[in-house]
Amino acid sequence: MTANELKALRETWKQHLDTWKQSGQSQVDYCRKQGLKSHQISYWKMRLVKSKPSAKLIRKRLRNPS
């Protein structure tokens, strides 16, 4: 799978997750109506959370005032 294909796949699943959350439906009901398997939403929910860059603390040296 190319980088562009992976990017498109991630975007597709991000859209599914956003739509599902806004729908107010259970995960099972949303998947049934969309023709998806419930475990697919669980997988992508976990995968997309892991792929978000986490905030990192950056140490910065301050110069001595002269």
N, C-alpha and C. Protein backbone atom coordinates (compact mmCIF):
# COMPACT_ATOMS: atom_id res chain seq x y z
N MET A 1 0.85 -1.18 0.00
CA MET A 1 0.00 0.00 0.00
C MET A 1 0.90 1.24 0.00
N THR A 2 0.57 2.16 -0.87
CA THR A 2 1.37 3.38 -0.96
C THR A 2 1.01 4.34 0.18
N ALA A 3 1.84 5.32 0.38
CA ALA A 3 1.59 6.32 1.42
C ALA A 3 0.30 7.08 1.14
N ASN A 4 0.03 7.36 -0.12
CA ASN A 4 -1.22 8.06 -0.47
C ASN A 4 -2.45 7.20 -0.21
N GLU A 5 -2.34 5.92 -0.49
CA GLU A 5 -3.46 5.01 -0.24
C GLU A 5 -3.72 4.88 1.26
N LEU A 6 -2.66 4.81 2.04
CA LEU A 6 -2.81 4.72 3.49
C LEU A 6 -3.43 6.00 4.05
N LYS A 7 -2.99 7.12 3.53
CA LYS A 7 -3.56 8.41 3.96
C LYS A 7 -5.05 8.46 3.65
N ALA A 8 -5.44 8.01 2.47
CA ALA A 8 -6.86 8.02 2.07
C ALA A 8 -7.66 7.06 2.95
N LEU A 9 -7.09 5.91 3.26
CA LEU A 9 -7.77 4.94 4.12
C LEU A 9 -7.98 5.50 5.52
N ARG A 10 -6.95 6.14 6.05
CA ARG A 10 -7.08 6.75 7.38
C ARG A 10 -8.14 7.83 7.38
N GLU A 11 -8.18 8.63 6.33
CA GLU A 11 -9.18 9.70 6.25
C GLU A 11 -10.59 9.12 6.17
N THR A 12 -10.74 8.04 5.40
CA THR A 12 -12.05 7.38 5.30
C THR A 12 -12.52 6.91 6.67
N TRP A 13 -11.63 6.28 7.41
CA TRP A 13 -12.02 5.78 8.73
C TRP A 13 -12.20 6.90 9.74
N LYS A 14 -11.45 7.97 9.61
CA LYS A 14 -11.65 9.12 10.49
C LYS A 14 -13.05 9.69 10.25
N GLN A 15 -13.46 9.76 8.99
CA GLN A 15 -14.80 10.25 8.67
C GLN A 15 -15.87 9.32 9.25
N HIS A 16 -15.66 8.00 9.14
CA HIS A 16 -16.61 7.06 9.74
C HIS A 16 -16.70 7.27 11.24
N LEU A 17 -15.57 7.43 11.90
CA LEU A 17 -15.58 7.62 13.36
C LEU A 17 -16.29 8.91 13.74
N ASP A 18 -16.01 9.99 13.02
CA ASP A 18 -16.68 11.26 13.31
C ASP A 18 -18.19 11.17 13.09
N THR A 19 -18.59 10.55 11.97
CA THR A 19 -20.01 10.40 11.66
C THR A 19 -20.70 9.53 12.70
N TRP A 20 -20.05 8.45 13.08
CA TRP A 20 -20.63 7.55 14.10
C TRP A 20 -20.82 8.29 15.42
N LYS A 21 -19.81 9.03 15.86
CA LYS A 21 -19.91 9.76 17.14
C LYS A 21 -21.03 10.78 17.10
N GLN A 22 -21.21 11.45 15.98
CA GLN A 22 -22.26 12.47 15.86
C GLN A 22 -23.65 11.87 15.70
N SER A 23 -23.71 10.60 15.28
CA SER A 23 -25.00 9.98 14.99
C SER A 23 -25.79 9.64 16.25
N GLY A 24 -25.09 9.42 17.35
CA GLY A 24 -25.78 9.01 18.57
C GLY A 24 -26.14 7.53 18.57
N GLN A 25 -25.78 6.82 17.51
CA GLN A 25 -26.07 5.39 17.43
C GLN A 25 -25.00 4.60 18.18
N SER A 26 -25.36 3.39 18.53
CA SER A 26 -24.35 2.51 19.10
C SER A 26 -23.39 2.13 17.98
N GLN A 27 -22.23 1.66 18.38
CA GLN A 27 -21.24 1.24 17.39
C GLN A 27 -21.80 0.13 16.51
N VAL A 28 -22.48 -0.82 17.11
CA VAL A 28 -23.04 -1.96 16.37
C VAL A 28 -24.09 -1.48 15.37
N ASP A 29 -24.99 -0.60 15.81
CA ASP A 29 -26.04 -0.10 14.91
C ASP A 29 -25.46 0.69 13.75
N TYR A 30 -24.49 1.56 14.04
CA TYR A 30 -23.88 2.34 12.97
C TYR A 30 -23.22 1.42 11.95
N CYS A 31 -22.46 0.46 12.43
CA CYS A 31 -21.76 -0.46 11.52
C CYS A 31 -22.74 -1.27 10.68
N ARG A 32 -23.80 -1.74 11.29
CA ARG A 32 -24.80 -2.53 10.57
C ARG A 32 -25.39 -1.70 9.43
N LYS A 33 -25.73 -0.44 9.72
CA LYS A 33 -26.35 0.41 8.71
C LYS A 33 -25.37 0.82 7.61
N GLN A 34 -24.08 0.84 7.94
CA GLN A 34 -23.06 1.23 6.96
C GLN A 34 -22.43 0.03 6.26
N GLY A 35 -22.83 -1.17 6.66
CA GLY A 35 -22.27 -2.37 6.05
C GLY A 35 -20.84 -2.65 6.50
N LEU A 36 -20.53 -2.21 7.72
CA LEU A 36 -19.20 -2.41 8.29
C LEU A 36 -19.25 -3.46 9.38
N LYS A 37 -18.11 -3.97 9.74
CA LYS A 37 -18.03 -4.89 10.87
C LYS A 37 -17.63 -4.08 12.10
N SER A 38 -18.26 -4.38 13.21
CA SER A 38 -18.04 -3.62 14.44
C SER A 38 -16.57 -3.58 14.85
N HIS A 39 -15.87 -4.68 14.65
CA HIS A 39 -14.46 -4.70 15.07
C HIS A 39 -13.61 -3.75 14.22
N GLN A 40 -14.07 -3.40 13.01
CA GLN A 40 -13.31 -2.47 12.17
C GLN A 40 -13.26 -1.08 12.81
N ILE A 41 -14.38 -0.64 13.35
CA ILE A 41 -14.43 0.67 14.02
C ILE A 41 -13.51 0.64 15.24
N SER A 42 -13.57 -0.45 16.00
CA SER A 42 -12.70 -0.55 17.18
C SER A 42 -11.23 -0.49 16.79
N TYR A 43 -10.87 -1.22 15.75
CA TYR A 43 -9.49 -1.24 15.28
C TYR A 43 -9.03 0.14 14.87
N TRP A 44 -9.82 0.83 14.04
CA TRP A 44 -9.40 2.13 13.54
C TRP A 44 -9.45 3.20 14.61
N LYS A 45 -10.36 3.07 15.54
CA LYS A 45 -10.40 4.02 16.66
C LYS A 45 -9.09 3.94 17.43
N MET A 46 -8.63 2.72 17.72
CA MET A 46 -7.38 2.52 18.43
C MET A 46 -6.19 2.98 17.57
N ARG A 47 -6.21 2.63 16.32
CA ARG A 47 -5.08 2.95 15.43
C ARG A 47 -4.92 4.46 15.23
N LEU A 48 -6.03 5.15 15.06
CA LEU A 48 -5.95 6.59 14.83
C LEU A 48 -5.54 7.34 16.09
N VAL A 49 -5.95 6.85 17.24
CA VAL A 49 -5.52 7.48 18.50
C VAL A 49 -4.02 7.30 18.68
N LYS A 50 -3.50 6.12 18.37
CA LYS A 50 -2.07 5.86 18.51
C LYS A 50 -1.24 6.68 17.54
N SER A 51 -1.81 7.02 16.40
CA SER A 51 -1.03 7.71 15.38
C SER A 51 -1.00 9.22 15.58
N LYS A 52 -1.81 9.73 16.50
CA LYS A 52 -1.78 11.17 16.76
C LYS A 52 -0.47 11.52 17.46
N PRO A 53 0.17 12.56 17.01
CA PRO A 53 1.41 12.95 17.69
C PRO A 53 1.10 13.42 19.10
N SER A 54 1.86 12.94 20.03
CA SER A 54 1.64 13.36 21.42
C SER A 54 2.45 14.61 21.69
N ALA A 55 1.96 15.35 22.63
CA ALA A 55 2.68 16.56 23.02
C ALA A 55 3.96 16.15 23.73
N LYS A 56 5.02 16.78 23.38
CA LYS A 56 6.30 16.48 24.01
C LYS A 56 6.84 17.76 24.64
N LEU A 57 7.45 17.57 25.78
CA LEU A 57 8.09 18.70 26.42
C LEU A 57 9.45 18.91 25.77
N ILE A 58 9.74 20.14 25.53
CA ILE A 58 11.02 20.47 24.91
C ILE A 58 11.81 21.31 25.91
N ARG A 59 13.00 20.86 26.19
CA ARG A 59 13.84 21.59 27.10
C ARG A 59 14.49 22.74 26.33
N LYS A 60 14.37 23.93 26.89
CA LYS A 60 14.96 25.09 26.24
C LYS A 60 15.92 25.77 27.21
N ARG A 61 17.08 26.04 26.74
CA ARG A 61 18.07 26.73 27.57
C ARG A 61 17.88 28.22 27.44
N LEU A 62 17.81 28.85 28.57
CA LEU A 62 17.69 30.31 28.56
C LEU A 62 19.08 30.91 28.68
N ARG A 63 19.29 31.97 27.96
CA ARG A 63 20.58 32.64 28.04
C ARG A 63 20.64 33.49 29.31
N ASN A 64 21.83 33.60 29.85
CA ASN A 64 22.02 34.47 31.01
C ASN A 64 21.89 35.93 30.57
N PRO A 65 21.07 36.69 31.29
CA PRO A 65 20.97 38.11 30.93
C PRO A 65 22.31 38.82 31.19
N SER A 66 22.79 39.52 30.22
CA SER A 66 24.08 40.21 30.39
C SER A 66 23.90 41.68 30.16
